[in-house]
Amino acid sequence: MGRPTLQEEDKRIIQVNIRLTKDENDTVVNYAEASGMTPANWIRQKAFTGRFPTIKLSPVNASLYRELHKVGVNLNQAVKQLHAGKLSTAYLSILLGLLKTQKDILNCLLK
């Protein structure tokens, strides 16, 4: 069984050619791969929605993200206890540093 036939109005029959620099092309290809799309489909979605297509994380990055999320939950609980007066304020700078490091790692994974 083959692919179903498209309605005439759904067929993409017009081709638009653009020229990109090597750096621009590399950027588009990287974003498209991270989104699980072809470069043409990535550009099309960006052009018509005005938003960047959702980036899908690789399985390795997804597991790292989940672990970092668990660590972040624990850090947030510790900060909450600190603010409630259940922990010594000596931990404040350590916890805030750890939260910043966690956010930096997450940002690097999502790029």
PDB file of N, CA and C in Angstrom:
ATOM      1  N   MET A   1       0.852  -1.170   0.000  1.00  0.00           N
ATOM      2  CA  MET A   1       0.000   0.000   0.000  1.00  0.00           C
ATOM      3  C   MET A   1       0.897   1.233   0.000  1.00  0.00           C
ATOM      4  N   GLY A   2       0.694   2.113  -0.943  1.00  0.00           N
ATOM      5  CA  GLY A   2       1.507   3.315  -1.079  1.00  0.00           C
ATOM      6  C   GLY A   2       0.962   4.475  -0.281  1.00  0.00           C
ATOM      7  N   ARG A   3       1.622   5.578  -0.443  1.00  0.00           N
ATOM      8  CA  ARG A   3       1.196   6.805   0.213  1.00  0.00           C
ATOM      9  C   ARG A   3      -0.115   7.278  -0.401  1.00  0.00           C
ATOM     10  N   PRO A   4      -1.055   7.773   0.417  1.00  0.00           N
ATOM     11  CA  PRO A   4      -2.320   8.246  -0.155  1.00  0.00           C
ATOM     12  C   PRO A   4      -2.097   9.467  -1.057  1.00  0.00           C
ATOM     13  N   THR A   5      -2.891   9.581  -2.097  1.00  0.00           N
ATOM     14  CA  THR A   5      -2.755  10.703  -3.026  1.00  0.00           C
ATOM     15  C   THR A   5      -3.258  11.983  -2.374  1.00  0.00           C
ATOM     16  N   LEU A   6      -2.532  13.075  -2.623  1.00  0.00           N
ATOM     17  CA  LEU A   6      -2.922  14.378  -2.086  1.00  0.00           C
ATOM     18  C   LEU A   6      -3.991  15.004  -2.964  1.00  0.00           C
ATOM     19  N   GLN A   7      -4.824  15.804  -2.333  1.00  0.00           N
ATOM     20  CA  GLN A   7      -5.779  16.606  -3.086  1.00  0.00           C
ATOM     21  C   GLN A   7      -4.984  17.620  -3.900  1.00  0.00           C
ATOM     22  N   GLU A   8      -5.529  18.085  -4.982  1.00  0.00           N
ATOM     23  CA  GLU A   8      -4.828  19.007  -5.881  1.00  0.00           C
ATOM     24  C   GLU A   8      -4.372  20.269  -5.132  1.00  0.00           C
ATOM     25  N   GLU A   9      -5.221  20.791  -4.234  1.00  0.00           N
ATOM     26  CA  GLU A   9      -4.859  22.028  -3.513  1.00  0.00           C
ATOM     27  C   GLU A   9      -3.785  21.795  -2.452  1.00  0.00           C
ATOM     28  N   ASP A  10      -3.527  20.540  -2.065  1.00  0.00           N
ATOM     29  CA  ASP A  10      -2.509  20.223  -1.066  1.00  0.00           C
ATOM     30  C   ASP A  10      -1.144  19.916  -1.681  1.00  0.00           C
ATOM     31  N   LYS A  11      -1.079  19.787  -2.990  1.00  0.00           N
ATOM     32  CA  LYS A  11       0.186  19.453  -3.656  1.00  0.00           C
ATOM     33  C   LYS A  11       1.092  20.676  -3.676  1.00  0.00           C
ATOM     34  N   ARG A  12       2.331  20.449  -3.380  1.00  0.00           N
ATOM     35  CA  ARG A  12       3.329  21.525  -3.411  1.00  0.00           C
ATOM     36  C   ARG A  12       3.972  21.512  -4.795  1.00  0.00           C
ATOM     37  N   ILE A  13       3.532  22.429  -5.639  1.00  0.00           N
ATOM     38  CA  ILE A  13       4.023  22.439  -7.011  1.00  0.00           C
ATOM     39  C   ILE A  13       4.910  23.642  -7.307  1.00  0.00           C
ATOM     40  N   ILE A  14       4.926  24.624  -6.416  1.00  0.00           N
ATOM     41  CA  ILE A  14       5.742  25.822  -6.605  1.00  0.00           C
ATOM     42  C   ILE A  14       7.041  25.656  -5.830  1.00  0.00           C
ATOM     43  N   GLN A  15       8.148  25.947  -6.489  1.00  0.00           N
ATOM     44  CA  GLN A  15       9.452  25.841  -5.840  1.00  0.00           C
ATOM     45  C   GLN A  15      10.054  27.234  -5.718  1.00  0.00           C
ATOM     46  N   VAL A  16      10.564  27.555  -4.528  1.00  0.00           N
ATOM     47  CA  VAL A  16      11.218  28.832  -4.270  1.00  0.00           C
ATOM     48  C   VAL A  16      12.663  28.531  -3.910  1.00  0.00           C
ATOM     49  N   ASN A  17      13.573  29.151  -4.617  1.00  0.00           N
ATOM     50  CA  ASN A  17      14.992  28.927  -4.353  1.00  0.00           C
ATOM     51  C   ASN A  17      15.573  30.126  -3.611  1.00  0.00           C
ATOM     52  N   ILE A  18      16.349  29.854  -2.575  1.00  0.00           N
ATOM     53  CA  ILE A  18      17.040  30.915  -1.850  1.00  0.00           C
ATOM     54  C   ILE A  18      18.516  30.543  -1.757  1.00  0.00           C
ATOM     55  N   ARG A  19      19.317  31.530  -1.588  1.00  0.00           N
ATOM     56  CA  ARG A  19      20.749  31.290  -1.414  1.00  0.00           C
ATOM     57  C   ARG A  19      21.115  31.591   0.027  1.00  0.00           C
ATOM     58  N   LEU A  20      21.898  30.699   0.617  1.00  0.00           N
ATOM     59  CA  LEU A  20      22.348  30.845   1.999  1.00  0.00           C
ATOM     60  C   LEU A  20      23.864  30.813   2.032  1.00  0.00           C
ATOM     61  N   THR A  21      24.429  31.482   3.038  1.00  0.00           N
ATOM     62  CA  THR A  21      25.857  31.326   3.259  1.00  0.00           C
ATOM     63  C   THR A  21      26.077  29.957   3.877  1.00  0.00           C
ATOM     64  N   LYS A  22      27.316  29.515   3.931  1.00  0.00           N
ATOM     65  CA  LYS A  22      27.610  28.224   4.544  1.00  0.00           C
ATOM     66  C   LYS A  22      27.163  28.213   5.999  1.00  0.00           C
ATOM     67  N   ASP A  23      27.430  29.307   6.719  1.00  0.00           N
ATOM     68  CA  ASP A  23      27.028  29.381   8.130  1.00  0.00           C
ATOM     69  C   ASP A  23      25.508  29.344   8.288  1.00  0.00           C
ATOM     70  N   GLU A  24      24.792  30.071   7.428  1.00  0.00           N
ATOM     71  CA  GLU A  24      23.329  30.046   7.494  1.00  0.00           C
ATOM     72  C   GLU A  24      22.802  28.637   7.221  1.00  0.00           C
ATOM     73  N   ASN A  25      23.368  27.995   6.206  1.00  0.00           N
ATOM     74  CA  ASN A  25      22.941  26.631   5.884  1.00  0.00           C
ATOM     75  C   ASN A  25      23.225  25.683   7.039  1.00  0.00           C
ATOM     76  N   ASP A  26      24.416  25.798   7.633  1.00  0.00           N
ATOM     77  CA  ASP A  26      24.754  24.942   8.780  1.00  0.00           C
ATOM     78  C   ASP A  26      23.759  25.145   9.917  1.00  0.00           C
ATOM     79  N   THR A  27      23.383  26.392  10.163  1.00  0.00           N
ATOM     80  CA  THR A  27      22.427  26.695  11.224  1.00  0.00           C
ATOM     81  C   THR A  27      21.073  26.051  10.931  1.00  0.00           C
ATOM     82  N   VAL A  28      20.595  26.217   9.698  1.00  0.00           N
ATOM     83  CA  VAL A  28      19.296  25.635   9.321  1.00  0.00           C
ATOM     84  C   VAL A  28      19.343  24.119   9.430  1.00  0.00           C
ATOM     85  N   VAL A  29      20.411  23.512   8.928  1.00  0.00           N
ATOM     86  CA  VAL A  29      20.532  22.051   8.973  1.00  0.00           C
ATOM     87  C   VAL A  29      20.568  21.565  10.419  1.00  0.00           C
ATOM     88  N   ASN A  30      21.321  22.250  11.291  1.00  0.00           N
ATOM     89  CA  ASN A  30      21.396  21.853  12.699  1.00  0.00           C
ATOM     90  C   ASN A  30      20.036  21.951  13.383  1.00  0.00           C
ATOM     91  N   TYR A  31      19.328  23.070  13.162  1.00  0.00           N
ATOM     92  CA  TYR A  31      17.999  23.223  13.755  1.00  0.00           C
ATOM     93  C   TYR A  31      17.046  22.157  13.212  1.00  0.00           C
ATOM     94  N   ALA A  32      17.108  21.915  11.904  1.00  0.00           N
ATOM     95  CA  ALA A  32      16.209  20.926  11.295  1.00  0.00           C
ATOM     96  C   ALA A  32      16.469  19.534  11.858  1.00  0.00           C
ATOM     97  N   GLU A  33      17.745  19.146  11.963  1.00  0.00           N
ATOM     98  CA  GLU A  33      18.074  17.831  12.520  1.00  0.00           C
ATOM     99  C   GLU A  33      17.601  17.718  13.958  1.00  0.00           C
ATOM    100  N   ALA A  34      17.805  18.779  14.747  1.00  0.00           N
ATOM    101  CA  ALA A  34      17.387  18.750  16.150  1.00  0.00           C
ATOM    102  C   ALA A  34      15.869  18.669  16.268  1.00  0.00           C
ATOM    103  N   SER A  35      15.156  19.162  15.254  1.00  0.00           N
ATOM    104  CA  SER A  35      13.697  19.123  15.266  1.00  0.00           C
ATOM    105  C   SER A  35      13.143  17.877  14.595  1.00  0.00           C
ATOM    106  N   GLY A  36      14.024  17.063  14.016  1.00  0.00           N
ATOM    107  CA  GLY A  36      13.574  15.857  13.325  1.00  0.00           C
ATOM    108  C   GLY A  36      12.875  16.170  12.012  1.00  0.00           C
ATOM    109  N   MET A  37      13.314  17.234  11.352  1.00  0.00           N
ATOM    110  CA  MET A  37      12.675  17.663  10.106  1.00  0.00           C
ATOM    111  C   MET A  37      13.719  17.821   9.010  1.00  0.00           C
ATOM    112  N   THR A  38      13.244  17.938   7.779  1.00  0.00           N
ATOM    113  CA  THR A  38      14.154  18.297   6.689  1.00  0.00           C
ATOM    114  C   THR A  38      14.355  19.810   6.750  1.00  0.00           C
ATOM    115  N   PRO A  39      15.457  20.315   6.199  1.00  0.00           N
ATOM    116  CA  PRO A  39      15.654  21.769   6.201  1.00  0.00           C
ATOM    117  C   PRO A  39      14.489  22.525   5.533  1.00  0.00           C
ATOM    118  N   ALA A  40      13.963  21.989   4.416  1.00  0.00           N
ATOM    119  CA  ALA A  40      12.856  22.655   3.723  1.00  0.00           C
ATOM    120  C   ALA A  40      11.602  22.726   4.612  1.00  0.00           C
ATOM    121  N   ASN A  41      11.276  21.625   5.270  1.00  0.00           N
ATOM    122  CA  ASN A  41      10.102  21.629   6.157  1.00  0.00           C
ATOM    123  C   ASN A  41      10.318  22.532   7.358  1.00  0.00           C
ATOM    124  N   TRP A  42      11.561  22.590   7.867  1.00  0.00           N
ATOM    125  CA  TRP A  42      11.860  23.465   9.005  1.00  0.00           C
ATOM    126  C   TRP A  42      11.657  24.922   8.602  1.00  0.00           C
ATOM    127  N   ILE A  43      12.196  25.301   7.445  1.00  0.00           N
ATOM    128  CA  ILE A  43      12.051  26.682   6.955  1.00  0.00           C
ATOM    129  C   ILE A  43      10.578  26.997   6.713  1.00  0.00           C
ATOM    130  N   ARG A  44       9.839  26.059   6.115  1.00  0.00           N
ATOM    131  CA  ARG A  44       8.423  26.257   5.829  1.00  0.00           C
ATOM    132  C   ARG A  44       7.644  26.500   7.124  1.00  0.00           C
ATOM    133  N   GLN A  45       7.884  25.671   8.135  1.00  0.00           N
ATOM    134  CA  GLN A  45       7.152  25.835   9.399  1.00  0.00           C
ATOM    135  C   GLN A  45       7.513  27.153  10.064  1.00  0.00           C
ATOM    136  N   LYS A  46       8.789  27.513  10.047  1.00  0.00           N
ATOM    137  CA  LYS A  46       9.219  28.776  10.646  1.00  0.00           C
ATOM    138  C   LYS A  46       8.596  29.957   9.908  1.00  0.00           C
ATOM    139  N   ALA A  47       8.558  29.880   8.582  1.00  0.00           N
ATOM    140  CA  ALA A  47       8.021  30.986   7.785  1.00  0.00           C
ATOM    141  C   ALA A  47       6.524  31.176   8.009  1.00  0.00           C
ATOM    142  N   PHE A  48       5.771  30.090   8.091  1.00  0.00           N
ATOM    143  CA  PHE A  48       4.320  30.206   8.165  1.00  0.00           C
ATOM    144  C   PHE A  48       3.762  30.319   9.577  1.00  0.00           C
ATOM    145  N   THR A  49       4.505  29.875  10.580  1.00  0.00           N
ATOM    146  CA  THR A  49       4.008  30.004  11.955  1.00  0.00           C
ATOM    147  C   THR A  49       4.689  31.145  12.695  1.00  0.00           C
ATOM    148  N   GLY A  50       5.875  31.545  12.220  1.00  0.00           N
ATOM    149  CA  GLY A  50       6.624  32.599  12.898  1.00  0.00           C
ATOM    150  C   GLY A  50       7.362  32.108  14.124  1.00  0.00           C
ATOM    151  N   ARG A  51       7.236  30.811  14.417  1.00  0.00           N
ATOM    152  CA  ARG A  51       7.904  30.237  15.585  1.00  0.00           C
ATOM    153  C   ARG A  51       8.895  29.175  15.147  1.00  0.00           C
ATOM    154  N   PHE A  52       9.894  28.984  15.978  1.00  0.00           N
ATOM    155  CA  PHE A  52      10.841  27.903  15.713  1.00  0.00           C
ATOM    156  C   PHE A  52      10.155  26.573  15.982  1.00  0.00           C
ATOM    157  N   PRO A  53      10.304  25.597  15.085  1.00  0.00           N
ATOM    158  CA  PRO A  53       9.750  24.264  15.355  1.00  0.00           C
ATOM    159  C   PRO A  53      10.357  23.684  16.628  1.00  0.00           C
ATOM    160  N   THR A  54       9.594  22.845  17.291  1.00  0.00           N
ATOM    161  CA  THR A  54      10.028  22.250  18.546  1.00  0.00           C
ATOM    162  C   THR A  54      11.269  21.400  18.336  1.00  0.00           C
ATOM    163  N   ILE A  55      12.250  21.621  19.193  1.00  0.00           N
ATOM    164  CA  ILE A  55      13.477  20.834  19.124  1.00  0.00           C
ATOM    165  C   ILE A  55      13.278  19.565  19.928  1.00  0.00           C
ATOM    166  N   LYS A  56      13.532  18.450  19.292  1.00  0.00           N
ATOM    167  CA  LYS A  56      13.427  17.158  19.973  1.00  0.00           C
ATOM    168  C   LYS A  56      14.828  16.786  20.442  1.00  0.00           C
ATOM    169  N   LEU A  57      14.927  16.398  21.680  1.00  0.00           N
ATOM    170  CA  LEU A  57      16.225  16.038  22.232  1.00  0.00           C
ATOM    171  C   LEU A  57      16.600  14.631  21.824  1.00  0.00           C
ATOM    172  N   SER A  58      17.893  14.403  21.673  1.00  0.00           N
ATOM    173  CA  SER A  58      18.350  13.049  21.402  1.00  0.00           C
ATOM    174  C   SER A  58      18.090  12.195  22.639  1.00  0.00           C
ATOM    175  N   PRO A  59      18.039  10.870  22.503  1.00  0.00           N
ATOM    176  CA  PRO A  59      17.793  10.022  23.678  1.00  0.00           C
ATOM    177  C   PRO A  59      18.798  10.259  24.805  1.00  0.00           C
ATOM    178  N   VAL A  60      20.067  10.507  24.447  1.00  0.00           N
ATOM    179  CA  VAL A  60      21.086  10.765  25.475  1.00  0.00           C
ATOM    180  C   VAL A  60      20.768  12.061  26.189  1.00  0.00           C
ATOM    181  N   ASN A  61      20.493  13.127  25.418  1.00  0.00           N
ATOM    182  CA  ASN A  61      20.177  14.410  26.033  1.00  0.00           C
ATOM    183  C   ASN A  61      18.886  14.341  26.826  1.00  0.00           C
ATOM    184  N   ALA A  62      17.921  13.557  26.352  1.00  0.00           N
ATOM    185  CA  ALA A  62      16.653  13.427  27.074  1.00  0.00           C
ATOM    186  C   ALA A  62      16.879  12.782  28.439  1.00  0.00           C
ATOM    187  N   SER A  63      17.717  11.751  28.504  1.00  0.00           N
ATOM    188  CA  SER A  63      17.966  11.119  29.805  1.00  0.00           C
ATOM    189  C   SER A  63      18.761  12.062  30.712  1.00  0.00           C
ATOM    190  N   LEU A  64      19.705  12.807  30.143  1.00  0.00           N
ATOM    191  CA  LEU A  64      20.435  13.803  30.932  1.00  0.00           C
ATOM    192  C   LEU A  64      19.480  14.867  31.459  1.00  0.00           C
ATOM    193  N   TYR A  65      18.575  15.296  30.600  1.00  0.00           N
ATOM    194  CA  TYR A  65      17.599  16.304  30.998  1.00  0.00           C
ATOM    195  C   TYR A  65      16.750  15.805  32.163  1.00  0.00           C
ATOM    196  N   ARG A  66      16.286  14.549  32.082  1.00  0.00           N
ATOM    197  CA  ARG A  66      15.462  13.992  33.168  1.00  0.00           C
ATOM    198  C   ARG A  66      16.248  13.938  34.476  1.00  0.00           C
ATOM    199  N   GLU A  67      17.504  13.519  34.405  1.00  0.00           N
ATOM    200  CA  GLU A  67      18.325  13.455  35.626  1.00  0.00           C
ATOM    201  C   GLU A  67      18.551  14.841  36.199  1.00  0.00           C
ATOM    202  N   LEU A  68      18.848  15.810  35.319  1.00  0.00           N
ATOM    203  CA  LEU A  68      19.042  17.178  35.793  1.00  0.00           C
ATOM    204  C   LEU A  68      17.752  17.739  36.389  1.00  0.00           C
ATOM    205  N   HIS A  69      16.633  17.359  35.823  1.00  0.00           N
ATOM    206  CA  HIS A  69      15.351  17.809  36.372  1.00  0.00           C
ATOM    207  C   HIS A  69      15.162  17.270  37.792  1.00  0.00           C
ATOM    208  N   LYS A  70      15.517  16.003  38.005  1.00  0.00           N
ATOM    209  CA  LYS A  70      15.400  15.409  39.341  1.00  0.00           C
ATOM    210  C   LYS A  70      16.302  16.145  40.329  1.00  0.00           C
ATOM    211  N   VAL A  71      17.523  16.455  39.890  1.00  0.00           N
ATOM    212  CA  VAL A  71      18.458  17.191  40.745  1.00  0.00           C
ATOM    213  C   VAL A  71      17.870  18.566  41.064  1.00  0.00           C
ATOM    214  N   GLY A  72      17.286  19.205  40.035  1.00  0.00           N
ATOM    215  CA  GLY A  72      16.691  20.524  40.237  1.00  0.00           C
ATOM    216  C   GLY A  72      15.551  20.497  41.239  1.00  0.00           C
ATOM    217  N   VAL A  73      14.743  19.456  41.188  1.00  0.00           N
ATOM    218  CA  VAL A  73      13.642  19.318  42.147  1.00  0.00           C
ATOM    219  C   VAL A  73      14.205  19.262  43.569  1.00  0.00           C
ATOM    220  N   ASN A  74      15.256  18.465  43.760  1.00  0.00           N
ATOM    221  CA  ASN A  74      15.872  18.363  45.086  1.00  0.00           C
ATOM    222  C   ASN A  74      16.470  19.694  45.525  1.00  0.00           C
ATOM    223  N   LEU A  75      17.111  20.400  44.600  1.00  0.00           N
ATOM    224  CA  LEU A  75      17.679  21.706  44.942  1.00  0.00           C
ATOM    225  C   LEU A  75      16.589  22.691  45.342  1.00  0.00           C
ATOM    226  N   ASN A  76      15.493  22.686  44.592  1.00  0.00           N
ATOM    227  CA  ASN A  76      14.392  23.589  44.928  1.00  0.00           C
ATOM    228  C   ASN A  76      13.799  23.276  46.300  1.00  0.00           C
ATOM    229  N   GLN A  77      13.713  21.998  46.640  1.00  0.00           N
ATOM    230  CA  GLN A  77      13.217  21.619  47.965  1.00  0.00           C
ATOM    231  C   GLN A  77      14.169  22.103  49.052  1.00  0.00           C
ATOM    232  N   ALA A  78      15.477  22.011  48.791  1.00  0.00           N
ATOM    233  CA  ALA A  78      16.458  22.480  49.775  1.00  0.00           C
ATOM    234  C   ALA A  78      16.356  23.990  49.957  1.00  0.00           C
ATOM    235  N   VAL A  79      16.185  24.730  48.852  1.00  0.00           N
ATOM    236  CA  VAL A  79      16.041  26.186  48.944  1.00  0.00           C
ATOM    237  C   VAL A  79      14.771  26.535  49.714  1.00  0.00           C
ATOM    238  N   LYS A  80      13.709  25.786  49.470  1.00  0.00           N
ATOM    239  CA  LYS A  80      12.452  26.022  50.192  1.00  0.00           C
ATOM    240  C   LYS A  80      12.647  25.822  51.694  1.00  0.00           C
ATOM    241  N   GLN A  81      13.364  24.770  52.074  1.00  0.00           N
ATOM    242  CA  GLN A  81      13.632  24.531  53.502  1.00  0.00           C
ATOM    243  C   GLN A  81      14.521  25.622  54.075  1.00  0.00           C
ATOM    244  N   LEU A  82      15.454  26.097  53.272  1.00  0.00           N
ATOM    245  CA  LEU A  82      16.332  27.183  53.705  1.00  0.00           C
ATOM    246  C   LEU A  82      15.505  28.437  53.999  1.00  0.00           C
ATOM    247  N   HIS A  83      14.592  28.772  53.108  1.00  0.00           N
ATOM    248  CA  HIS A  83      13.749  29.954  53.305  1.00  0.00           C
ATOM    249  C   HIS A  83      12.786  29.775  54.466  1.00  0.00           C
ATOM    250  N   ALA A  84      12.416  28.544  54.760  1.00  0.00           N
ATOM    251  CA  ALA A  84      11.520  28.276  55.887  1.00  0.00           C
ATOM    252  C   ALA A  84      12.277  28.266  57.214  1.00  0.00           C
ATOM    253  N   GLY A  85      13.601  28.412  57.155  1.00  0.00           N
ATOM    254  CA  GLY A  85      14.408  28.454  58.366  1.00  0.00           C
ATOM    255  C   GLY A  85      14.796  27.088  58.892  1.00  0.00           C
ATOM    256  N   LYS A  86      14.621  26.052  58.087  1.00  0.00           N
ATOM    257  CA  LYS A  86      14.953  24.695  58.524  1.00  0.00           C
ATOM    258  C   LYS A  86      16.402  24.318  58.213  1.00  0.00           C
ATOM    259  N   LEU A  87      17.076  25.132  57.403  1.00  0.00           N
ATOM    260  CA  LEU A  87      18.494  24.902  57.097  1.00  0.00           C
ATOM    261  C   LEU A  87      19.287  26.145  57.447  1.00  0.00           C
ATOM    262  N   SER A  88      20.561  25.967  57.695  1.00  0.00           N
ATOM    263  CA  SER A  88      21.436  27.092  57.999  1.00  0.00           C
ATOM    264  C   SER A  88      21.598  27.958  56.750  1.00  0.00           C
ATOM    265  N   THR A  89      21.672  29.266  56.929  1.00  0.00           N
ATOM    266  CA  THR A  89      21.851  30.179  55.796  1.00  0.00           C
ATOM    267  C   THR A  89      23.215  30.011  55.142  1.00  0.00           C
ATOM    268  N   ALA A  90      24.111  29.260  55.755  1.00  0.00           N
ATOM    269  CA  ALA A  90      25.423  29.003  55.161  1.00  0.00           C
ATOM    270  C   ALA A  90      25.281  28.225  53.851  1.00  0.00           C
ATOM    271  N   TYR A  91      24.190  27.514  53.693  1.00  0.00           N
ATOM    272  CA  TYR A  91      23.960  26.721  52.485  1.00  0.00           C
ATOM    273  C   TYR A  91      23.444  27.558  51.311  1.00  0.00           C
ATOM    274  N   LEU A  92      23.016  28.785  51.575  1.00  0.00           N
ATOM    275  CA  LEU A  92      22.376  29.596  50.545  1.00  0.00           C
ATOM    276  C   LEU A  92      23.242  29.789  49.309  1.00  0.00           C
ATOM    277  N   SER A  93      24.476  30.227  49.484  1.00  0.00           N
ATOM    278  CA  SER A  93      25.324  30.489  48.313  1.00  0.00           C
ATOM    279  C   SER A  93      25.630  29.202  47.553  1.00  0.00           C
ATOM    280  N   ILE A  94      25.792  28.101  48.270  1.00  0.00           N
ATOM    281  CA  ILE A  94      26.058  26.808  47.617  1.00  0.00           C
ATOM    282  C   ILE A  94      24.847  26.385  46.778  1.00  0.00           C
ATOM    283  N   LEU A  95      23.658  26.476  47.364  1.00  0.00           N
ATOM    284  CA  LEU A  95      22.450  26.062  46.659  1.00  0.00           C
ATOM    285  C   LEU A  95      22.173  26.950  45.446  1.00  0.00           C
ATOM    286  N   LEU A  96      22.362  28.259  45.606  1.00  0.00           N
ATOM    287  CA  LEU A  96      22.137  29.164  44.481  1.00  0.00           C
ATOM    288  C   LEU A  96      23.139  28.910  43.357  1.00  0.00           C
ATOM    289  N   GLY A  97      24.376  28.609  43.717  1.00  0.00           N
ATOM    290  CA  GLY A  97      25.391  28.264  42.712  1.00  0.00           C
ATOM    291  C   GLY A  97      25.035  26.991  41.972  1.00  0.00           C
ATOM    292  N   LEU A  98      24.530  25.998  42.715  1.00  0.00           N
ATOM    293  CA  LEU A  98      24.125  24.743  42.094  1.00  0.00           C
ATOM    294  C   LEU A  98      22.920  24.932  41.166  1.00  0.00           C
ATOM    295  N   LEU A  99      21.972  25.760  41.575  1.00  0.00           N
ATOM    296  CA  LEU A  99      20.820  26.036  40.722  1.00  0.00           C
ATOM    297  C   LEU A  99      21.247  26.722  39.425  1.00  0.00           C
ATOM    298  N   LYS A 100      22.183  27.670  39.525  1.00  0.00           N
ATOM    299  CA  LYS A 100      22.667  28.362  38.328  1.00  0.00           C
ATOM    300  C   LYS A 100      23.396  27.384  37.410  1.00  0.00           C
ATOM    301  N   THR A 101      24.213  26.525  37.975  1.00  0.00           N
ATOM    302  CA  THR A 101      24.935  25.535  37.169  1.00  0.00           C
ATOM    303  C   THR A 101      23.960  24.594  36.473  1.00  0.00           C
ATOM    304  N   GLN A 102      22.935  24.169  37.185  1.00  0.00           N
ATOM    305  CA  GLN A 102      21.934  23.288  36.588  1.00  0.00           C
ATOM    306  C   GLN A 102      21.244  23.977  35.413  1.00  0.00           C
ATOM    307  N   LYS A 103      20.855  25.231  35.569  1.00  0.00           N
ATOM    308  CA  LYS A 103      20.194  25.964  34.494  1.00  0.00           C
ATOM    309  C   LYS A 103      21.128  26.128  33.295  1.00  0.00           C
ATOM    310  N   ASP A 104      22.414  26.382  33.553  1.00  0.00           N
ATOM    311  CA  ASP A 104      23.389  26.532  32.457  1.00  0.00           C
ATOM    312  C   ASP A 104      23.510  25.234  31.667  1.00  0.00           C
ATOM    313  N   ILE A 105      23.542  24.102  32.369  1.00  0.00           N
ATOM    314  CA  ILE A 105      23.645  22.796  31.706  1.00  0.00           C
ATOM    315  C   ILE A 105      22.395  22.536  30.875  1.00  0.00           C
ATOM    316  N   LEU A 106      21.223  22.820  31.430  1.00  0.00           N
ATOM    317  CA  LEU A 106      19.982  22.628  30.685  1.00  0.00           C
ATOM    318  C   LEU A 106      19.949  23.494  29.433  1.00  0.00           C
ATOM    319  N   ASN A 107      20.388  24.750  29.554  1.00  0.00           N
ATOM    320  CA  ASN A 107      20.426  25.631  28.397  1.00  0.00           C
ATOM    321  C   ASN A 107      21.355  25.090  27.318  1.00  0.00           C
ATOM    322  N   CYS A 108      22.492  24.535  27.724  1.00  0.00           N
ATOM    323  CA  CYS A 108      23.422  23.964  26.739  1.00  0.00           C
ATOM    324  C   CYS A 108      22.802  22.740  26.046  1.00  0.00           C
ATOM    325  N   LEU A 109      22.061  21.933  26.791  1.00  0.00           N
ATOM    326  CA  LEU A 109      21.413  20.766  26.200  1.00  0.00           C
ATOM    327  C   LEU A 109      20.332  21.163  25.215  1.00  0.00           C
ATOM    328  N   LEU A 110      19.658  22.268  25.477  1.00  0.00           N
ATOM    329  CA  LEU A 110      18.545  22.672  24.632  1.00  0.00           C
ATOM    330  C   LEU A 110      18.979  23.485  23.428  1.00  0.00           C
ATOM    331  N   LYS A 111      20.231  23.853  23.328  1.00  0.00           N
ATOM    332  CA  LYS A 111      20.712  24.616  22.171  1.00  0.00           C
ATOM    333  C   LYS A 111      20.886  23.746  20.975  1.00  0.00           C
TER     334      LYS A 111
END
